[in-house]
């Protein structure tokens, strides 16, 4: 049988070279790795610095509102030109969060980048993982114990025939004592509707509503 013109057996790559194979088990692992990386990036970049500022201000409760990068209803025309040194997009003059009873201690941060998209943070398992990771970090840092050593008084020296009994040396007793203020910290994380009141160029207010990550932390629990 004649071979097709212009085609030889040497020109055909082996089947194994054409097959791009990905182990099915690696896909869930990749997904888990991406989730963990993004969650801990959010914790280190935005959440923990905010909570540090809160405690340094002497406040025991705090609410943090994180707006994902692509929530159209909460996107401001100023967003693209307003980023701070951390790469986060903060609130703008004339922009206020509505609907919070403790509005005086509510901080708004606008996130950016594909890793902070609404499609990612809208997933309930991701929100739950973020809450668990935050709760674990807060309580791990807060649950340090102080070790105290107390010295018991020496047994008085005995006289007479009791001298043949050795005088007891001072006894040391080690106790684990919880540090003051080491009660559990409560953290709640949810994806919910938030409303922003913005002032336009004419000085008129308008209200925009959209989904955001709301984090409430209470150090008094």
C-alpha atoms as a PDB file:
ATOM      1  CA  UNK A   1       0.000   0.000   0.000  1.00  0.00           C
ATOM      2  CA  UNK A   2       1.340   3.418  -0.938  1.00  0.00           C
ATOM      3  CA  UNK A   3       1.758   5.992   1.807  1.00  0.00           C
ATOM      4  CA  UNK A   4      -0.005   9.282   1.467  1.00  0.00           C
ATOM      5  CA  UNK A   5       2.222  11.738  -0.327  1.00  0.00           C
ATOM      6  CA  UNK A   6       4.175  14.039   1.940  1.00  0.00           C
ATOM      7  CA  UNK A   7       3.496  11.947   5.063  1.00  0.00           C
ATOM      8  CA  UNK A   8       5.812   9.340   6.552  1.00  0.00           C
ATOM      9  CA  UNK A   9       5.695   7.319   9.741  1.00  0.00           C
ATOM     10  CA  UNK A  10       8.556   9.437  11.072  1.00  0.00           C
ATOM     11  CA  UNK A  11       6.408  12.572  10.810  1.00  0.00           C
ATOM     12  CA  UNK A  12       3.686  11.289  13.156  1.00  0.00           C
ATOM     13  CA  UNK A  13       4.463  12.005  16.835  1.00  0.00           C
ATOM     14  CA  UNK A  14       3.738   9.222  19.277  1.00  0.00           C
ATOM     15  CA  UNK A  15       0.334   9.237  20.969  1.00  0.00           C
ATOM     16  CA  UNK A  16       1.830   9.905  24.392  1.00  0.00           C
ATOM     17  CA  UNK A  17       3.254  13.221  23.195  1.00  0.00           C
ATOM     18  CA  UNK A  18      -0.168  14.415  22.071  1.00  0.00           C
ATOM     19  CA  UNK A  19      -1.895  13.547  25.329  1.00  0.00           C
ATOM     20  CA  UNK A  20      -1.859  16.280  27.931  1.00  0.00           C
ATOM     21  CA  UNK A  21      -2.839  14.533  31.127  1.00  0.00           C
ATOM     22  CA  UNK A  22      -3.654  16.084  34.481  1.00  0.00           C
ATOM     23  CA  UNK A  23      -4.203  13.854  37.438  1.00  0.00           C
ATOM     24  CA  UNK A  24      -7.788  14.233  38.694  1.00  0.00           C
ATOM     25  CA  UNK A  25      -6.531  14.370  42.268  1.00  0.00           C
ATOM     26  CA  UNK A  26      -4.408  17.429  41.520  1.00  0.00           C
ATOM     27  CA  UNK A  27      -7.419  19.557  40.576  1.00  0.00           C
ATOM     28  CA  UNK A  28      -8.979  19.641  44.068  1.00  0.00           C
ATOM     29  CA  UNK A  29      -5.507  20.178  45.508  1.00  0.00           C
ATOM     30  CA  UNK A  30      -4.962  23.142  43.204  1.00  0.00           C
ATOM     31  CA  UNK A  31      -8.329  24.580  44.210  1.00  0.00           C
ATOM     32  CA  UNK A  32      -7.559  24.195  47.909  1.00  0.00           C
ATOM     33  CA  UNK A  33      -4.122  25.773  47.478  1.00  0.00           C
ATOM     34  CA  UNK A  34      -5.548  28.804  45.677  1.00  0.00           C
ATOM     35  CA  UNK A  35      -8.219  29.299  48.343  1.00  0.00           C
ATOM     36  CA  UNK A  36      -5.739  29.057  51.192  1.00  0.00           C
ATOM     37  CA  UNK A  37      -3.304  31.468  49.528  1.00  0.00           C
ATOM     38  CA  UNK A  38      -5.977  34.102  48.882  1.00  0.00           C
ATOM     39  CA  UNK A  39      -7.495  33.802  52.348  1.00  0.00           C
ATOM     40  CA  UNK A  40      -4.171  34.241  54.125  1.00  0.00           C
ATOM     41  CA  UNK A  41      -3.198  37.064  51.794  1.00  0.00           C
ATOM     42  CA  UNK A  42      -6.385  38.895  52.779  1.00  0.00           C
ATOM     43  CA  UNK A  43      -5.700  38.222  56.466  1.00  0.00           C
ATOM     44  CA  UNK A  44      -2.132  39.508  56.360  1.00  0.00           C
ATOM     45  CA  UNK A  45      -2.651  42.446  53.996  1.00  0.00           C
ATOM     46  CA  UNK A  46      -5.929  43.927  55.184  1.00  0.00           C
ATOM     47  CA  UNK A  47      -7.587  42.272  58.179  1.00  0.00           C
ATOM     48  CA  UNK A  48      -4.747  41.930  60.705  1.00  0.00           C
ATOM     49  CA  UNK A  49      -3.400  45.497  60.200  1.00  0.00           C
ATOM     50  CA  UNK A  50      -6.938  46.830  60.708  1.00  0.00           C
ATOM     51  CA  UNK A  51      -7.404  44.831  63.919  1.00  0.00           C
ATOM     52  CA  UNK A  52      -4.022  45.995  65.189  1.00  0.00           C
ATOM     53  CA  UNK A  53      -5.075  49.613  64.674  1.00  0.00           C
ATOM     54  CA  UNK A  54      -8.339  48.835  66.473  1.00  0.00           C
ATOM     55  CA  UNK A  55      -6.645  47.449  69.578  1.00  0.00           C
ATOM     56  CA  UNK A  56      -4.052  50.239  69.656  1.00  0.00           C
ATOM     57  CA  UNK A  57      -6.961  52.680  69.701  1.00  0.00           C
ATOM     58  CA  UNK A  58      -8.317  50.904  72.777  1.00  0.00           C
ATOM     59  CA  UNK A  59     -11.426  49.624  71.008  1.00  0.00           C
ATOM     60  CA  UNK A  60     -12.804  46.177  71.802  1.00  0.00           C
ATOM     61  CA  UNK A  61     -15.201  45.786  68.864  1.00  0.00           C
ATOM     62  CA  UNK A  62     -14.684  46.462  65.200  1.00  0.00           C
ATOM     63  CA  UNK A  63     -16.436  46.020  61.874  1.00  0.00           C
ATOM     64  CA  UNK A  64     -14.565  45.777  58.588  1.00  0.00           C
ATOM     65  CA  UNK A  65     -16.358  46.018  55.242  1.00  0.00           C
ATOM     66  CA  UNK A  66     -14.405  44.631  52.280  1.00  0.00           C
ATOM     67  CA  UNK A  67     -15.805  45.346  48.829  1.00  0.00           C
ATOM     68  CA  UNK A  68     -14.680  42.825  46.170  1.00  0.00           C
ATOM     69  CA  UNK A  69     -12.941  44.263  43.135  1.00  0.00           C
ATOM     70  CA  UNK A  70     -15.780  43.960  40.643  1.00  0.00           C
ATOM     71  CA  UNK A  71     -19.094  44.731  42.324  1.00  0.00           C
ATOM     72  CA  UNK A  72     -20.626  47.071  39.711  1.00  0.00           C
ATOM     73  CA  UNK A  73     -23.229  48.614  42.000  1.00  0.00           C
ATOM     74  CA  UNK A  74     -20.548  49.685  44.501  1.00  0.00           C
ATOM     75  CA  UNK A  75     -17.904  50.756  42.003  1.00  0.00           C
ATOM     76  CA  UNK A  76     -16.980  54.403  42.101  1.00  0.00           C
ATOM     77  CA  UNK A  77     -15.694  56.357  39.148  1.00  0.00           C
ATOM     78  CA  UNK A  78     -12.812  57.390  41.415  1.00  0.00           C
ATOM     79  CA  UNK A  79     -11.713  53.835  42.168  1.00  0.00           C
ATOM     80  CA  UNK A  80      -9.138  53.502  39.416  1.00  0.00           C
ATOM     81  CA  UNK A  81      -7.334  56.646  40.550  1.00  0.00           C
ATOM     82  CA  UNK A  82      -7.462  56.072  44.308  1.00  0.00           C
ATOM     83  CA  UNK A  83      -5.213  53.403  45.761  1.00  0.00           C
ATOM     84  CA  UNK A  84      -3.058  53.668  48.816  1.00  0.00           C
ATOM     85  CA  UNK A  85       0.431  52.285  49.341  1.00  0.00           C
ATOM     86  CA  UNK A  86      -0.877  48.825  50.177  1.00  0.00           C
ATOM     87  CA  UNK A  87      -2.658  48.576  46.862  1.00  0.00           C
ATOM     88  CA  UNK A  88      -6.027  48.702  48.554  1.00  0.00           C
ATOM     89  CA  UNK A  89      -8.791  51.059  47.579  1.00  0.00           C
ATOM     90  CA  UNK A  90     -10.061  53.023  50.536  1.00  0.00           C
ATOM     91  CA  UNK A  91     -13.278  54.958  50.936  1.00  0.00           C
ATOM     92  CA  UNK A  92     -13.543  58.388  49.374  1.00  0.00           C
ATOM     93  CA  UNK A  93     -14.536  61.783  50.786  1.00  0.00           C
ATOM     94  CA  UNK A  94     -18.307  62.049  50.881  1.00  0.00           C
ATOM     95  CA  UNK A  95     -18.741  58.272  50.906  1.00  0.00           C
ATOM     96  CA  UNK A  96     -20.394  56.809  54.008  1.00  0.00           C
ATOM     97  CA  UNK A  97     -21.525  53.349  55.028  1.00  0.00           C
ATOM     98  CA  UNK A  98     -25.210  53.190  55.896  1.00  0.00           C
ATOM     99  CA  UNK A  99     -27.160  50.698  57.972  1.00  0.00           C
ATOM    100  CA  UNK A 100     -24.660  49.948  60.762  1.00  0.00           C
ATOM    101  CA  UNK A 101     -25.583  50.791  64.346  1.00  0.00           C
ATOM    102  CA  UNK A 102     -21.906  51.095  65.267  1.00  0.00           C
ATOM    103  CA  UNK A 103     -21.030  53.190  62.227  1.00  0.00           C
ATOM    104  CA  UNK A 104     -18.396  55.069  64.215  1.00  0.00           C
ATOM    105  CA  UNK A 105     -16.192  51.991  64.250  1.00  0.00           C
ATOM    106  CA  UNK A 106     -16.764  50.664  60.739  1.00  0.00           C
ATOM    107  CA  UNK A 107     -13.919  50.659  58.227  1.00  0.00           C
ATOM    108  CA  UNK A 108     -14.429  50.349  54.472  1.00  0.00           C
ATOM    109  CA  UNK A 109     -11.763  48.890  52.209  1.00  0.00           C
ATOM    110  CA  UNK A 110     -12.089  48.393  48.465  1.00  0.00           C
ATOM    111  CA  UNK A 111     -10.204  45.365  47.184  1.00  0.00           C
ATOM    112  CA  UNK A 112      -8.694  45.060  43.731  1.00  0.00           C
ATOM    113  CA  UNK A 113      -7.339  42.408  41.408  1.00  0.00           C
ATOM    114  CA  UNK A 114      -8.696  39.181  39.983  1.00  0.00           C
ATOM    115  CA  UNK A 115      -7.817  37.329  43.193  1.00  0.00           C
ATOM    116  CA  UNK A 116     -10.344  39.519  45.023  1.00  0.00           C
ATOM    117  CA  UNK A 117     -13.163  39.212  42.523  1.00  0.00           C
ATOM    118  CA  UNK A 118     -16.761  38.884  43.626  1.00  0.00           C
ATOM    119  CA  UNK A 119     -17.006  35.523  41.856  1.00  0.00           C
ATOM    120  CA  UNK A 120     -14.374  34.145  44.227  1.00  0.00           C
ATOM    121  CA  UNK A 121     -15.576  35.669  47.491  1.00  0.00           C
ATOM    122  CA  UNK A 122     -19.245  34.951  46.861  1.00  0.00           C
ATOM    123  CA  UNK A 123     -18.604  31.224  47.463  1.00  0.00           C
ATOM    124  CA  UNK A 124     -19.977  30.161  50.846  1.00  0.00           C
ATOM    125  CA  UNK A 125     -17.167  27.626  51.527  1.00  0.00           C
ATOM    126  CA  UNK A 126     -14.602  30.398  50.990  1.00  0.00           C
ATOM    127  CA  UNK A 127     -16.379  32.712  53.435  1.00  0.00           C
ATOM    128  CA  UNK A 128     -16.566  29.911  56.011  1.00  0.00           C
ATOM    129  CA  UNK A 129     -12.873  29.092  55.539  1.00  0.00           C
ATOM    130  CA  UNK A 130     -12.012  32.774  56.019  1.00  0.00           C
ATOM    131  CA  UNK A 131     -14.019  32.885  59.243  1.00  0.00           C
ATOM    132  CA  UNK A 132     -12.372  29.736  60.589  1.00  0.00           C
ATOM    133  CA  UNK A 133      -8.881  30.956  59.694  1.00  0.00           C
ATOM    134  CA  UNK A 134      -9.481  34.353  61.300  1.00  0.00           C
ATOM    135  CA  UNK A 135     -11.002  32.822  64.432  1.00  0.00           C
ATOM    136  CA  UNK A 136      -8.107  30.387  64.776  1.00  0.00           C
ATOM    137  CA  UNK A 137      -5.450  33.080  64.386  1.00  0.00           C
ATOM    138  CA  UNK A 138      -7.102  35.442  66.846  1.00  0.00           C
ATOM    139  CA  UNK A 139      -7.529  32.837  69.550  1.00  0.00           C
ATOM    140  CA  UNK A 140      -4.083  31.334  68.988  1.00  0.00           C
ATOM    141  CA  UNK A 141      -2.451  34.728  69.480  1.00  0.00           C
ATOM    142  CA  UNK A 142      -4.727  35.529  72.411  1.00  0.00           C
ATOM    143  CA  UNK A 143      -4.456  32.207  74.238  1.00  0.00           C
ATOM    144  CA  UNK A 144      -0.894  32.568  75.497  1.00  0.00           C
ATOM    145  CA  UNK A 145      -0.488  31.555  79.103  1.00  0.00           C
ATOM    146  CA  UNK A 146       1.861  32.986  81.701  1.00  0.00           C
ATOM    147  CA  UNK A 147       3.865  30.542  83.773  1.00  0.00           C
ATOM    148  CA  UNK A 148       4.275  31.637  87.363  1.00  0.00           C
ATOM    149  CA  UNK A 149       6.581  30.055  89.890  1.00  0.00           C
ATOM    150  CA  UNK A 150       5.570  30.350  93.529  1.00  0.00           C
ATOM    151  CA  UNK A 151       7.957  29.359  96.277  1.00  0.00           C
ATOM    152  CA  UNK A 152       6.441  27.708  99.341  1.00  0.00           C
ATOM    153  CA  UNK A 153       7.952  28.674 102.696  1.00  0.00           C
ATOM    154  CA  UNK A 154      10.608  26.333 104.093  1.00  0.00           C
ATOM    155  CA  UNK A 155       9.596  23.892 106.788  1.00  0.00           C
ATOM    156  CA  UNK A 156      10.852  25.237 110.149  1.00  0.00           C
ATOM    157  CA  UNK A 157      14.013  23.545 111.498  1.00  0.00           C
ATOM    158  CA  UNK A 158      13.143  20.872 114.033  1.00  0.00           C
ATOM    159  CA  UNK A 159      14.988  20.443 117.345  1.00  0.00           C
ATOM    160  CA  UNK A 160      15.813  17.525 119.564  1.00  0.00           C
ATOM    161  CA  UNK A 161      15.587  14.045 118.180  1.00  0.00           C
ATOM    162  CA  UNK A 162      13.696  15.433 115.195  1.00  0.00           C
ATOM    163  CA  UNK A 163      17.069  16.651 113.914  1.00  0.00           C
ATOM    164  CA  UNK A 164      17.699  13.251 112.410  1.00  0.00           C
ATOM    165  CA  UNK A 165      14.959  14.104 109.935  1.00  0.00           C
ATOM    166  CA  UNK A 166      16.207  16.222 107.088  1.00  0.00           C
ATOM    167  CA  UNK A 167      14.980  19.768 107.039  1.00  0.00           C
ATOM    168  CA  UNK A 168      12.732  20.256 104.061  1.00  0.00           C
ATOM    169  CA  UNK A 169      14.058  22.601 101.426  1.00  0.00           C
ATOM    170  CA  UNK A 170      11.868  25.284  99.932  1.00  0.00           C
ATOM    171  CA  UNK A 171       9.434  23.786  97.481  1.00  0.00           C
ATOM    172  CA  UNK A 172       8.743  25.251  94.114  1.00  0.00           C
ATOM    173  CA  UNK A 173       5.356  25.009  92.522  1.00  0.00           C
ATOM    174  CA  UNK A 174       4.741  25.832  88.896  1.00  0.00           C
ATOM    175  CA  UNK A 175       1.313  26.882  87.784  1.00  0.00           C
ATOM    176  CA  UNK A 176      -0.103  27.839  84.433  1.00  0.00           C
ATOM    177  CA  UNK A 177      -2.007  31.048  84.856  1.00  0.00           C
ATOM    178  CA  UNK A 178      -3.957  32.534  82.005  1.00  0.00           C
ATOM    179  CA  UNK A 179      -2.889  36.001  81.098  1.00  0.00           C
ATOM    180  CA  UNK A 180      -5.283  38.823  81.807  1.00  0.00           C
ATOM    181  CA  UNK A 181      -7.632  39.392  78.917  1.00  0.00           C
ATOM    182  CA  UNK A 182      -7.101  35.950  77.414  1.00  0.00           C
ATOM    183  CA  UNK A 183     -10.770  35.173  76.913  1.00  0.00           C
ATOM    184  CA  UNK A 184     -11.873  33.943  73.531  1.00  0.00           C
ATOM    185  CA  UNK A 185     -12.252  36.400  70.680  1.00  0.00           C
ATOM    186  CA  UNK A 186     -15.364  36.162  68.546  1.00  0.00           C
ATOM    187  CA  UNK A 187     -15.148  36.706  64.790  1.00  0.00           C
ATOM    188  CA  UNK A 188     -18.097  36.661  62.390  1.00  0.00           C
ATOM    189  CA  UNK A 189     -17.651  36.767  58.613  1.00  0.00           C
ATOM    190  CA  UNK A 190     -20.495  36.965  56.123  1.00  0.00           C
ATOM    191  CA  UNK A 191     -21.271  38.109  52.597  1.00  0.00           C
ATOM    192  CA  UNK A 192     -24.167  40.534  52.762  1.00  0.00           C
ATOM    193  CA  UNK A 193     -25.718  43.604  51.208  1.00  0.00           C
ATOM    194  CA  UNK A 194     -24.212  46.919  52.257  1.00  0.00           C
ATOM    195  CA  UNK A 195     -25.287  50.412  51.315  1.00  0.00           C
ATOM    196  CA  UNK A 196     -23.007  53.336  50.556  1.00  0.00           C
ATOM    197  CA  UNK A 197     -24.114  56.934  50.517  1.00  0.00           C
ATOM    198  CA  UNK A 198     -22.073  58.936  48.069  1.00  0.00           C
ATOM    199  CA  UNK A 199     -22.031  62.631  47.322  1.00  0.00           C
ATOM    200  CA  UNK A 200     -21.928  63.569  43.665  1.00  0.00           C
ATOM    201  CA  UNK A 201     -20.381  66.629  42.058  1.00  0.00           C
ATOM    202  CA  UNK A 202     -23.574  68.625  42.632  1.00  0.00           C
ATOM    203  CA  UNK A 203     -23.541  67.920  46.362  1.00  0.00           C
ATOM    204  CA  UNK A 204     -26.468  65.524  46.184  1.00  0.00           C
ATOM    205  CA  UNK A 205     -26.443  62.160  47.951  1.00  0.00           C
ATOM    206  CA  UNK A 206     -27.263  58.870  46.329  1.00  0.00           C
ATOM    207  CA  UNK A 207     -27.338  55.402  47.860  1.00  0.00           C
ATOM    208  CA  UNK A 208     -25.739  52.374  46.228  1.00  0.00           C
ATOM    209  CA  UNK A 209     -26.265  48.819  47.453  1.00  0.00           C
ATOM    210  CA  UNK A 210     -24.249  45.700  46.706  1.00  0.00           C
ATOM    211  CA  UNK A 211     -22.558  42.641  48.167  1.00  0.00           C
ATOM    212  CA  UNK A 212     -19.534  42.953  50.432  1.00  0.00           C
ATOM    213  CA  UNK A 213     -17.607  40.882  52.974  1.00  0.00           C
ATOM    214  CA  UNK A 214     -18.528  42.059  56.473  1.00  0.00           C
ATOM    215  CA  UNK A 215     -16.203  41.059  59.314  1.00  0.00           C
ATOM    216  CA  UNK A 216     -17.143  41.718  62.932  1.00  0.00           C
ATOM    217  CA  UNK A 217     -14.650  41.085  65.717  1.00  0.00           C
ATOM    218  CA  UNK A 218     -15.423  41.302  69.422  1.00  0.00           C
ATOM    219  CA  UNK A 219     -12.583  41.086  71.948  1.00  0.00           C
ATOM    220  CA  UNK A 220     -14.974  41.187  74.916  1.00  0.00           C
ATOM    221  CA  UNK A 221     -16.383  37.663  74.590  1.00  0.00           C
END
